Amino acid sequence: MPRRPNIPCKHPGCGRLIPYGSMYCEEHRPLHTHDRKTTTERGYGRRWQKARAVFLRAHPLCVRCQAKGRLVKATVVDHIVPHRGDPTLFWDTDNWQALCKRCHDHKTMTEDRHQEFHY
């Protein structure tokens, strides 16, 4: 089976090739260890896993696929309005919807991609 080609290191100005799926070469990896918080630090710890499982049992089908007349199993609990670290919005069950991975990825890349600023 063919493998994916190596990609360049994401550090600015570095062109070293690294395995696909990696972000940085060995030299630059220590510089970027704290670029993003872990899933637990972002709120997706054990408490979230339990709440997610309960929600998916209660809402087993993808909301967007159902609207199109398809019955697809939901695998992701999506925040309708991105919480952006706000714990109140994060835990508001009225802000949750059950989606399949495909619909969640599409929503995230089209609707939730850019942060909106209000002044």
C-alpha atoms as a PDB file:
ATOM      1  CA  MET A   1       0.000   0.000   0.000  1.00  0.00           C
ATOM      2  CA  PRO A   2       1.461   3.412  -0.906  1.00  0.00           C
ATOM      3  CA  ARG A   3       2.439   5.761   1.866  1.00  0.00           C
ATOM      4  CA  ARG A   4       1.860   9.490   1.929  1.00  0.00           C
ATOM      5  CA  PRO A   5       4.859  11.635   1.050  1.00  0.00           C
ATOM      6  CA  ASN A   6       6.792  13.549   3.683  1.00  0.00           C
ATOM      7  CA  ILE A   7       5.791  17.174   4.272  1.00  0.00           C
ATOM      8  CA  PRO A   8       7.808  20.275   5.215  1.00  0.00           C
ATOM      9  CA  CYS A   9       8.192  21.308   8.859  1.00  0.00           C
ATOM     10  CA  LYS A  10       5.589  23.947   9.851  1.00  0.00           C
ATOM     11  CA  HIS A  11       8.134  26.159  11.642  1.00  0.00           C
ATOM     12  CA  PRO A  12       8.631  29.408   9.670  1.00  0.00           C
ATOM     13  CA  GLY A  13      11.674  29.177   7.429  1.00  0.00           C
ATOM     14  CA  CYS A  14      12.315  25.472   7.970  1.00  0.00           C
ATOM     15  CA  GLY A  15      12.094  23.271   4.926  1.00  0.00           C
ATOM     16  CA  ARG A  16      13.070  19.923   6.438  1.00  0.00           C
ATOM     17  CA  LEU A  17      10.850  17.056   5.366  1.00  0.00           C
ATOM     18  CA  ILE A  18       9.044  15.187   8.125  1.00  0.00           C
ATOM     19  CA  PRO A  19       6.579  12.267   8.124  1.00  0.00           C
ATOM     20  CA  TYR A  20       3.011  13.073   7.153  1.00  0.00           C
ATOM     21  CA  GLY A  21       0.910  13.800  10.247  1.00  0.00           C
ATOM     22  CA  SER A  22       3.757  15.478  12.133  1.00  0.00           C
ATOM     23  CA  MET A  23       3.889  19.223  12.617  1.00  0.00           C
ATOM     24  CA  TYR A  24       7.534  20.008  13.344  1.00  0.00           C
ATOM     25  CA  CYS A  25      10.969  18.504  12.869  1.00  0.00           C
ATOM     26  CA  GLU A  26      12.984  17.268  15.866  1.00  0.00           C
ATOM     27  CA  GLU A  27      14.818  20.602  16.152  1.00  0.00           C
ATOM     28  CA  HIS A  28      11.674  22.783  16.258  1.00  0.00           C
ATOM     29  CA  ARG A  29       9.294  20.493  18.180  1.00  0.00           C
ATOM     30  CA  PRO A  30      10.494  21.733  21.620  1.00  0.00           C
ATOM     31  CA  LEU A  31       9.711  25.321  20.578  1.00  0.00           C
ATOM     32  CA  HIS A  32       6.054  24.476  19.893  1.00  0.00           C
ATOM     33  CA  THR A  33       5.098  22.182  22.776  1.00  0.00           C
ATOM     34  CA  HIS A  34       2.706  24.740  24.281  1.00  0.00           C
ATOM     35  CA  ASP A  35       1.097  26.044  21.073  1.00  0.00           C
ATOM     36  CA  ARG A  36      -2.204  24.398  21.913  1.00  0.00           C
ATOM     37  CA  LYS A  37      -3.754  23.206  25.150  1.00  0.00           C
ATOM     38  CA  THR A  38      -4.453  19.520  25.632  1.00  0.00           C
ATOM     39  CA  THR A  39      -8.003  18.242  25.252  1.00  0.00           C
ATOM     40  CA  THR A  40      -8.361  18.021  29.031  1.00  0.00           C
ATOM     41  CA  GLU A  41      -7.153  21.609  29.445  1.00  0.00           C
ATOM     42  CA  ARG A  42      -9.738  22.698  26.855  1.00  0.00           C
ATOM     43  CA  GLY A  43     -12.549  21.055  28.867  1.00  0.00           C
ATOM     44  CA  TYR A  44     -12.874  17.713  27.105  1.00  0.00           C
ATOM     45  CA  GLY A  45     -11.907  15.547  30.079  1.00  0.00           C
ATOM     46  CA  ARG A  46     -13.692  12.717  31.853  1.00  0.00           C
ATOM     47  CA  ARG A  47     -16.738  14.816  32.742  1.00  0.00           C
ATOM     48  CA  TRP A  48     -17.215  15.715  29.052  1.00  0.00           C
ATOM     49  CA  GLN A  49     -16.805  12.087  27.943  1.00  0.00           C
ATOM     50  CA  LYS A  50     -19.604  11.019  30.298  1.00  0.00           C
ATOM     51  CA  ALA A  51     -21.935  13.865  29.241  1.00  0.00           C
ATOM     52  CA  ARG A  52     -21.159  13.194  25.570  1.00  0.00           C
ATOM     53  CA  ALA A  53     -22.010   9.491  25.896  1.00  0.00           C
ATOM     54  CA  VAL A  54     -25.331  10.256  27.608  1.00  0.00           C
ATOM     55  CA  PHE A  55     -26.224  12.853  24.964  1.00  0.00           C
ATOM     56  CA  LEU A  56     -25.403  10.507  22.067  1.00  0.00           C
ATOM     57  CA  ARG A  57     -27.522   7.728  23.611  1.00  0.00           C
ATOM     58  CA  ALA A  58     -30.450  10.151  23.795  1.00  0.00           C
ATOM     59  CA  HIS A  59     -29.804  11.547  20.280  1.00  0.00           C
ATOM     60  CA  PRO A  60     -28.429   8.659  18.174  1.00  0.00           C
ATOM     61  CA  LEU A  61     -28.932  10.195  14.711  1.00  0.00           C
ATOM     62  CA  CYS A  62     -27.156  13.056  12.934  1.00  0.00           C
ATOM     63  CA  VAL A  63     -29.372  16.152  12.940  1.00  0.00           C
ATOM     64  CA  ARG A  64     -28.145  17.459   9.577  1.00  0.00           C
ATOM     65  CA  CYS A  65     -28.432  14.128   7.790  1.00  0.00           C
ATOM     66  CA  GLN A  66     -31.956  13.674   9.198  1.00  0.00           C
ATOM     67  CA  ALA A  67     -32.917  17.050   7.723  1.00  0.00           C
ATOM     68  CA  LYS A  68     -31.826  15.691   4.322  1.00  0.00           C
ATOM     69  CA  GLY A  69     -33.855  12.508   4.771  1.00  0.00           C
ATOM     70  CA  ARG A  70     -30.889  10.237   5.598  1.00  0.00           C
ATOM     71  CA  LEU A  71     -30.492   8.160   8.749  1.00  0.00           C
ATOM     72  CA  VAL A  72     -26.852   8.301   9.828  1.00  0.00           C
ATOM     73  CA  LYS A  73     -25.469   7.445  13.265  1.00  0.00           C
ATOM     74  CA  ALA A  74     -24.225  10.476  15.222  1.00  0.00           C
ATOM     75  CA  THR A  75     -20.694  10.148  16.596  1.00  0.00           C
ATOM     76  CA  VAL A  76     -19.920  13.747  17.624  1.00  0.00           C
ATOM     77  CA  VAL A  77     -21.568  16.180  20.033  1.00  0.00           C
ATOM     78  CA  ASP A  78     -21.196  19.586  18.399  1.00  0.00           C
ATOM     79  CA  HIS A  79     -21.487  22.984  20.031  1.00  0.00           C
ATOM     80  CA  ILE A  80     -23.939  24.862  17.788  1.00  0.00           C
ATOM     81  CA  VAL A  81     -22.413  28.185  18.820  1.00  0.00           C
ATOM     82  CA  PRO A  82     -18.650  27.694  19.312  1.00  0.00           C
ATOM     83  CA  HIS A  83     -17.854  28.045  23.003  1.00  0.00           C
ATOM     84  CA  ARG A  84     -14.304  29.457  22.500  1.00  0.00           C
ATOM     85  CA  GLY A  85     -13.436  28.524  26.089  1.00  0.00           C
ATOM     86  CA  ASP A  86     -16.592  29.888  27.742  1.00  0.00           C
ATOM     87  CA  PRO A  87     -17.587  27.220  30.327  1.00  0.00           C
ATOM     88  CA  THR A  88     -21.215  28.387  30.488  1.00  0.00           C
ATOM     89  CA  LEU A  89     -21.656  27.960  26.737  1.00  0.00           C
ATOM     90  CA  PHE A  90     -19.599  24.757  26.801  1.00  0.00           C
ATOM     91  CA  TRP A  91     -21.933  22.988  29.260  1.00  0.00           C
ATOM     92  CA  ASP A  92     -25.224  24.425  27.936  1.00  0.00           C
ATOM     93  CA  THR A  93     -27.003  21.328  26.587  1.00  0.00           C
ATOM     94  CA  ASP A  94     -29.299  23.543  24.499  1.00  0.00           C
ATOM     95  CA  ASN A  95     -26.144  24.468  22.556  1.00  0.00           C
ATOM     96  CA  TRP A  96     -25.369  20.818  21.715  1.00  0.00           C
ATOM     97  CA  GLN A  97     -26.368  18.846  18.649  1.00  0.00           C
ATOM     98  CA  ALA A  98     -25.598  15.295  17.538  1.00  0.00           C
ATOM     99  CA  LEU A  99     -23.712  15.087  14.247  1.00  0.00           C
ATOM    100  CA  CYS A 100     -21.887  12.461  12.231  1.00  0.00           C
ATOM    101  CA  LYS A 101     -18.169  13.102  11.736  1.00  0.00           C
ATOM    102  CA  ARG A 102     -18.648  14.169   8.131  1.00  0.00           C
ATOM    103  CA  CYS A 103     -21.242  16.838   8.991  1.00  0.00           C
ATOM    104  CA  HIS A 104     -19.217  18.017  12.003  1.00  0.00           C
ATOM    105  CA  ASP A 105     -16.048  18.424   9.938  1.00  0.00           C
ATOM    106  CA  HIS A 106     -17.966  20.308   7.246  1.00  0.00           C
ATOM    107  CA  LYS A 107     -19.626  22.615   9.795  1.00  0.00           C
ATOM    108  CA  THR A 108     -16.332  23.310  11.539  1.00  0.00           C
ATOM    109  CA  MET A 109     -14.527  24.179   8.305  1.00  0.00           C
ATOM    110  CA  THR A 110     -17.298  26.384   6.930  1.00  0.00           C
ATOM    111  CA  GLU A 111     -19.099  27.989   9.881  1.00  0.00           C
ATOM    112  CA  ASP A 112     -16.815  27.778  12.917  1.00  0.00           C
ATOM    113  CA  ARG A 113     -13.495  28.360  11.195  1.00  0.00           C
ATOM    114  CA  HIS A 114     -13.056  32.083  11.774  1.00  0.00           C
ATOM    115  CA  GLN A 115     -13.550  33.735  15.126  1.00  0.00           C
ATOM    116  CA  GLU A 116     -15.954  36.642  15.064  1.00  0.00           C
ATOM    117  CA  PHE A 117     -15.078  39.755  16.991  1.00  0.00           C
ATOM    118  CA  HIS A 118     -17.775  42.080  18.320  1.00  0.00           C
ATOM    119  CA  TYR A 119     -16.919  45.623  19.396  1.00  0.00           C
END
